[in-house]
């Protein structure tokens, strides 16, 4: 584990052994929540994990890429799907470390069902009232690699908190969480958070497409604090997930759902050999 700290009291705890998992963010006061309170890398709810080389789920673990069929190991046994990649199982090494920041790097070699070697570089930094992360992925292979990237933090807010997301469309899924390929407007649905409303008892597991022409900032507020999360770069969607037990809500910046491997129209990154792509997130918190 590594702690990074700012003199103002902002800090974050990073787990090198589990792919750069962010275990704590304090700005000051705890901002993150682990619904499982588990210290291991393998976990059901993936709290704080980086999701790479694919975010969310690939149905049955199978996809077809440029004329070839691939089969990934199924790690969501209940649903029979592959979810959230495999970076979270790999140890990362320290490239640079100062009191308030750290840069980590990992080499992903070919995995079953995903033969492309990747280099992943992730940086974290804290400042007064703020946390910054940036993840960059380089394709070291000799062919175009499919890629989606995400990060899976749970924020320690109760169901009375007000959530606001500047997103006018969502990615539709059926009751088995299989994506239909449709991207309907949020208007009239339970996924419309544009004006801000309490989370309440809604059961949420949906990807919302950020309106990138304006601000991408997602806001979450209760009676004592206001938090904003601003994704940039490849992070153009936010997956909203309410865990089946305990406090907290997951607001996951993602580039695209994993099922984009099968349906590139959903936003898969086609990463050329020798090319890289990056995404950043800024989290800010202030008392109300």
Protein backbone atom coordinates (compact mmCIF):
# COMPACT_ATOMS: atom_id res chain seq x y z
CA UNK A 1 0.00 0.00 0.00
CA UNK A 2 1.04 3.59 -0.66
CA UNK A 3 -0.44 6.70 0.91
CA UNK A 4 -0.19 10.06 -0.84
CA UNK A 5 -0.86 13.16 1.27
CA UNK A 6 -1.23 16.90 0.92
CA UNK A 7 -0.46 19.29 3.81
CA UNK A 8 -4.11 20.39 3.81
CA UNK A 9 -5.21 16.92 4.94
CA UNK A 10 -6.20 15.45 1.56
CA UNK A 11 -4.93 11.89 1.12
CA UNK A 12 -5.44 8.67 -0.80
CA UNK A 13 -4.43 5.04 -0.27
CA UNK A 14 -3.40 3.01 -3.32
CA UNK A 15 -3.01 -0.78 -3.45
CA UNK A 16 -0.13 -1.70 -5.78
CA UNK A 17 -0.78 -5.43 -5.49
CA UNK A 18 -4.30 -5.14 -6.93
CA UNK A 19 -3.68 -3.17 -10.10
CA UNK A 20 -3.57 0.27 -8.50
CA UNK A 21 -6.87 -0.09 -6.63
CA UNK A 22 -7.81 3.11 -4.78
CA UNK A 23 -8.78 2.03 -1.26
CA UNK A 24 -9.32 5.43 0.41
CA UNK A 25 -9.82 9.07 -0.56
CA UNK A 26 -9.97 11.70 2.18
CA UNK A 27 -10.49 15.35 1.22
CA UNK A 28 -10.44 15.51 4.34
CA UNK A 29 -12.89 12.94 5.69
CA UNK A 30 -13.53 9.61 4.02
CA UNK A 31 -15.12 9.90 0.59
CA UNK A 32 -14.89 6.31 -0.67
CA UNK A 33 -16.78 3.31 0.63
CA UNK A 34 -16.02 -0.41 0.26
CA UNK A 35 -19.33 -2.35 0.39
CA UNK A 36 -17.40 -5.58 1.01
CA UNK A 37 -14.62 -4.33 3.34
CA UNK A 38 -12.38 -6.90 1.69
CA UNK A 39 -8.63 -6.51 1.37
CA UNK A 40 -8.21 -9.04 -1.46
CA UNK A 41 -7.92 -8.43 -5.18
CA UNK A 42 -10.71 -10.80 -6.25
CA UNK A 43 -14.01 -9.36 -5.14
CA UNK A 44 -17.64 -9.39 -6.16
CA UNK A 45 -18.20 -5.63 -6.24
CA UNK A 46 -14.77 -4.42 -7.50
CA UNK A 47 -14.58 -1.43 -5.16
CA UNK A 48 -11.89 1.03 -6.30
CA UNK A 49 -10.58 -1.25 -9.08
CA UNK A 50 -9.31 -0.10 -12.45
CA UNK A 51 -11.24 -1.94 -15.19
CA UNK A 52 -8.98 -2.89 -18.06
CA UNK A 53 -8.72 -4.02 -20.88
CA UNK A 54 -12.51 -4.04 -20.74
CA UNK A 55 -15.01 -2.37 -18.42
CA UNK A 56 -18.29 -3.93 -17.34
CA UNK A 57 -19.46 -7.19 -18.92
CA UNK A 58 -19.00 -9.21 -22.08
CA UNK A 59 -21.91 -11.63 -22.44
CA UNK A 60 -20.77 -15.22 -22.08
CA UNK A 61 -17.18 -14.00 -22.23
CA UNK A 62 -17.26 -14.30 -26.01
CA UNK A 63 -16.68 -11.71 -28.70
CA UNK A 64 -15.73 -11.51 -32.36
CA UNK A 65 -12.96 -9.11 -33.33
CA UNK A 66 -11.86 -8.54 -36.93
CA UNK A 67 -13.03 -11.95 -38.06
CA UNK A 68 -11.69 -14.01 -35.13
CA UNK A 69 -13.70 -15.46 -32.23
CA UNK A 70 -12.30 -15.06 -28.71
CA UNK A 71 -13.38 -16.64 -25.42
CA UNK A 72 -12.54 -14.95 -22.12
CA UNK A 73 -12.59 -16.66 -18.71
CA UNK A 74 -15.97 -16.21 -17.04
CA UNK A 75 -15.56 -14.49 -13.67
CA UNK A 76 -19.20 -13.61 -13.05
CA UNK A 77 -20.37 -17.16 -12.53
CA UNK A 78 -23.94 -16.19 -11.61
CA UNK A 79 -24.51 -14.37 -14.91
CA UNK A 80 -22.06 -16.45 -16.97
CA UNK A 81 -20.15 -13.39 -18.18
CA UNK A 82 -16.64 -11.96 -18.21
CA UNK A 83 -16.51 -8.66 -16.32
CA UNK A 84 -14.05 -5.86 -15.60
CA UNK A 85 -10.90 -7.22 -17.25
CA UNK A 86 -7.90 -8.50 -15.29
CA UNK A 87 -5.65 -5.55 -14.41
CA UNK A 88 -7.04 -5.64 -10.85
CA UNK A 89 -5.30 -9.01 -10.30
CA UNK A 90 -1.86 -7.75 -11.29
CA UNK A 91 0.77 -5.96 -9.23
CA UNK A 92 1.96 -2.57 -10.50
CA UNK A 93 5.41 -1.06 -9.99
CA UNK A 94 6.23 2.47 -8.83
CA UNK A 95 7.65 4.76 -11.52
CA UNK A 96 7.65 7.96 -9.49
CA UNK A 97 6.54 8.84 -5.95
CA UNK A 98 6.36 12.15 -4.12
CA UNK A 99 4.44 12.93 -0.91
CA UNK A 100 1.33 14.06 -2.80
CA UNK A 101 1.46 11.91 -5.95
CA UNK A 102 2.43 8.52 -7.34
CA UNK A 103 2.82 7.04 -10.84
CA UNK A 104 2.50 3.30 -11.39
CA UNK A 105 3.08 1.06 -14.37
CA UNK A 106 2.16 -2.48 -15.34
CA UNK A 107 2.78 -4.73 -18.34
CA UNK A 108 -0.24 -6.79 -19.33
CA UNK A 109 0.86 -9.74 -21.40
CA UNK A 110 -1.53 -11.80 -23.50
CA UNK A 111 -4.35 -13.36 -21.47
CA UNK A 112 -6.75 -16.15 -22.43
CA UNK A 113 -9.17 -14.59 -24.86
CA UNK A 114 -7.19 -11.33 -25.09
CA UNK A 115 -3.82 -11.79 -26.83
CA UNK A 116 -2.74 -8.13 -27.05
CA UNK A 117 0.14 -6.99 -24.79
CA UNK A 118 -0.50 -3.63 -23.16
CA UNK A 119 1.42 -1.18 -21.01
CA UNK A 120 -0.72 0.62 -18.43
CA UNK A 121 0.46 3.77 -16.66
CA UNK A 122 -1.69 5.29 -13.91
CA UNK A 123 -1.05 8.44 -11.88
CA UNK A 124 -2.75 9.67 -8.72
CA UNK A 125 -2.38 13.06 -7.02
CA UNK A 126 -4.05 14.88 -4.14
CA UNK A 127 -4.42 18.63 -3.54
CA UNK A 128 -6.55 20.71 -1.16
CA UNK A 129 -10.06 19.31 -1.56
CA UNK A 130 -9.19 17.41 -4.74
CA UNK A 131 -8.07 14.02 -6.08
CA UNK A 132 -6.70 13.49 -9.58
CA UNK A 133 -6.25 10.27 -11.54
CA UNK A 134 -5.03 9.57 -15.05
CA UNK A 135 -4.71 6.21 -16.79
CA UNK A 136 -2.97 5.65 -20.13
CA UNK A 137 -2.87 2.43 -22.14
CA UNK A 138 -0.30 1.60 -24.85
CA UNK A 139 -0.69 -1.23 -27.35
CA UNK A 140 2.64 -3.12 -27.54
CA UNK A 141 1.23 -5.68 -29.96
CA UNK A 142 1.41 -5.87 -33.75
CA UNK A 143 -2.33 -5.67 -34.48
CA UNK A 144 -5.25 -3.43 -33.56
CA UNK A 145 -6.50 -4.15 -30.04
CA UNK A 146 -10.07 -3.63 -28.77
CA UNK A 147 -10.15 -1.65 -25.54
CA UNK A 148 -12.59 -0.21 -23.04
CA UNK A 149 -11.40 1.29 -19.74
CA UNK A 150 -13.12 2.18 -16.49
CA UNK A 151 -12.68 2.86 -12.79
CA UNK A 152 -15.04 1.53 -10.10
CA UNK A 153 -15.18 3.79 -7.00
CA UNK A 154 -18.06 3.65 -4.52
CA UNK A 155 -18.84 6.94 -2.82
CA UNK A 156 -19.95 7.06 0.80
CA UNK A 157 -23.31 8.77 0.35
CA UNK A 158 -26.68 7.50 1.50
CA UNK A 159 -29.81 7.06 -0.61
CA UNK A 160 -31.06 10.51 0.41
CA UNK A 161 -28.16 12.09 -1.51
CA UNK A 162 -28.99 14.11 -4.62
CA UNK A 163 -27.34 12.93 -7.84
CA UNK A 164 -26.97 15.10 -10.94
CA UNK A 165 -25.54 13.77 -14.23
CA UNK A 166 -25.38 15.77 -17.48
CA UNK A 167 -26.45 12.86 -19.70
CA UNK A 168 -29.31 12.86 -22.20
CA UNK A 169 -28.98 9.23 -23.33
CA UNK A 170 -28.41 5.85 -21.72
CA UNK A 171 -27.31 2.46 -23.03
CA UNK A 172 -30.25 0.09 -22.87
CA UNK A 173 -29.98 -3.38 -21.30
CA UNK A 174 -32.54 -6.15 -20.78
CA UNK A 175 -33.40 -7.73 -17.42
CA UNK A 176 -30.36 -10.05 -17.81
CA UNK A 177 -28.09 -7.00 -18.23
CA UNK A 178 -27.53 -7.86 -21.91
CA UNK A 179 -27.14 -4.70 -23.97
CA UNK A 180 -29.64 -4.23 -26.77
CA UNK A 181 -27.49 -1.79 -28.77
CA UNK A 182 -30.10 0.97 -28.36
CA UNK A 183 -29.25 4.37 -26.83
CA UNK A 184 -32.61 5.89 -25.87
CA UNK A 185 -33.11 9.38 -24.40
CA UNK A 186 -33.23 9.51 -20.61
CA UNK A 187 -36.31 11.75 -20.76
CA UNK A 188 -39.24 9.93 -19.17
CA UNK A 189 -37.06 7.13 -17.79
CA UNK A 190 -35.81 6.42 -14.26
CA UNK A 191 -32.31 7.33 -15.50
CA UNK A 192 -32.92 11.07 -15.94
CA UNK A 193 -30.63 12.84 -13.46
CA UNK A 194 -30.08 15.99 -15.51
CA UNK A 195 -31.83 18.29 -13.02
CA UNK A 196 -30.64 16.37 -9.99
CA UNK A 197 -32.78 14.18 -7.75
CA UNK A 198 -32.46 11.93 -4.74
CA UNK A 199 -31.22 8.42 -5.42
CA UNK A 200 -33.97 7.03 -3.20
CA UNK A 201 -34.70 3.31 -3.47
CA UNK A 202 -33.90 3.09 -7.18
CA UNK A 203 -31.99 -0.02 -8.24
CA UNK A 204 -29.49 1.22 -10.79
CA UNK A 205 -27.01 -0.50 -13.08
CA UNK A 206 -26.86 1.63 -16.21
CA UNK A 207 -24.37 3.45 -18.43
CA UNK A 208 -25.19 7.11 -19.09
CA UNK A 209 -23.64 8.97 -22.01
CA UNK A 210 -22.24 12.32 -20.89
CA UNK A 211 -23.17 15.39 -22.92
CA UNK A 212 -19.58 16.18 -23.86
CA UNK A 213 -20.52 19.43 -25.62
CA UNK A 214 -20.98 20.96 -22.15
CA UNK A 215 -19.64 20.14 -18.72
CA UNK A 216 -19.05 16.47 -17.92
CA UNK A 217 -19.17 17.05 -14.15
CA UNK A 218 -21.26 14.62 -12.12
CA UNK A 219 -22.45 16.00 -8.76
CA UNK A 220 -23.42 14.11 -5.60
CA UNK A 221 -24.56 16.02 -2.52
CA UNK A 222 -26.03 15.41 0.91
CA UNK A 223 -26.76 17.78 3.79
CA UNK A 224 -23.08 18.18 4.72
CA UNK A 225 -21.00 18.03 1.53
CA UNK A 226 -20.91 18.42 -2.22
CA UNK A 227 -18.75 16.19 -4.40
CA UNK A 228 -18.11 16.61 -8.10
CA UNK A 229 -16.47 14.09 -10.41
CA UNK A 230 -15.27 15.36 -13.78
CA UNK A 231 -14.10 12.76 -16.33
CA UNK A 232 -12.17 13.72 -19.45
CA UNK A 233 -10.31 12.14 -22.35
CA UNK A 234 -11.64 8.69 -23.19
CA UNK A 235 -14.06 8.70 -20.22
CA UNK A 236 -17.26 9.78 -21.97
CA UNK A 237 -19.75 7.65 -20.01
CA UNK A 238 -20.62 7.03 -16.37
CA UNK A 239 -21.90 3.68 -15.15
CA UNK A 240 -24.21 4.16 -12.15
CA UNK A 241 -24.58 1.17 -9.84
CA UNK A 242 -26.35 0.81 -6.50
CA UNK A 243 -24.90 -2.19 -4.60
CA UNK A 244 -27.32 -4.79 -3.27
CA UNK A 245 -26.33 -4.13 0.33
CA UNK A 246 -24.96 -1.33 2.46
CA UNK A 247 -24.31 2.32 1.82
CA UNK A 248 -22.64 3.91 -1.12
CA UNK A 249 -23.20 4.35 -4.82
CA UNK A 250 -20.77 3.48 -7.61
CA UNK A 251 -20.15 6.23 -10.17
CA UNK A 252 -17.80 4.63 -12.67
CA UNK A 253 -16.16 6.72 -15.38
CA UNK A 254 -15.90 4.43 -18.41
CA UNK A 255 -14.89 4.79 -22.04
CA UNK A 256 -17.50 2.27 -23.24
CA UNK A 257 -19.15 -0.94 -22.05
CA UNK A 258 -17.24 -4.19 -22.55
CA UNK A 259 -19.96 -5.39 -24.91
CA UNK A 260 -18.60 -2.81 -27.35
CA UNK A 261 -16.11 -5.55 -28.29
CA UNK A 262 -19.09 -7.20 -30.02
CA UNK A 263 -20.82 -3.97 -31.05
CA UNK A 264 -18.21 -1.30 -31.95
CA UNK A 265 -21.00 1.26 -32.36
CA UNK A 266 -21.17 1.37 -28.55
CA UNK A 267 -17.78 3.08 -28.50
CA UNK A 268 -14.94 0.54 -28.47
CA UNK A 269 -11.44 2.01 -28.80
CA UNK A 270 -9.56 0.50 -31.74
CA UNK A 271 -6.00 0.86 -30.45
CA UNK A 272 -3.40 0.74 -33.21
CA UNK A 273 0.00 -0.93 -32.61
CA UNK A 274 2.29 1.52 -30.82
CA UNK A 275 -0.58 3.92 -30.08
CA UNK A 276 -1.87 4.96 -26.67
CA UNK A 277 -5.07 6.42 -25.26
CA UNK A 278 -5.76 8.10 -21.92
CA UNK A 279 -8.53 9.24 -19.62
CA UNK A 280 -8.54 11.42 -16.51
CA UNK A 281 -10.82 12.04 -13.56
CA UNK A 282 -10.89 14.95 -11.11
CA UNK A 283 -12.82 14.58 -7.83
CA UNK A 284 -13.49 17.62 -5.67
CA UNK A 285 -15.27 17.79 -2.34
CA UNK A 286 -16.38 20.72 -0.20
CA UNK A 287 -18.59 21.22 2.87
CA UNK A 288 -22.09 22.63 2.43
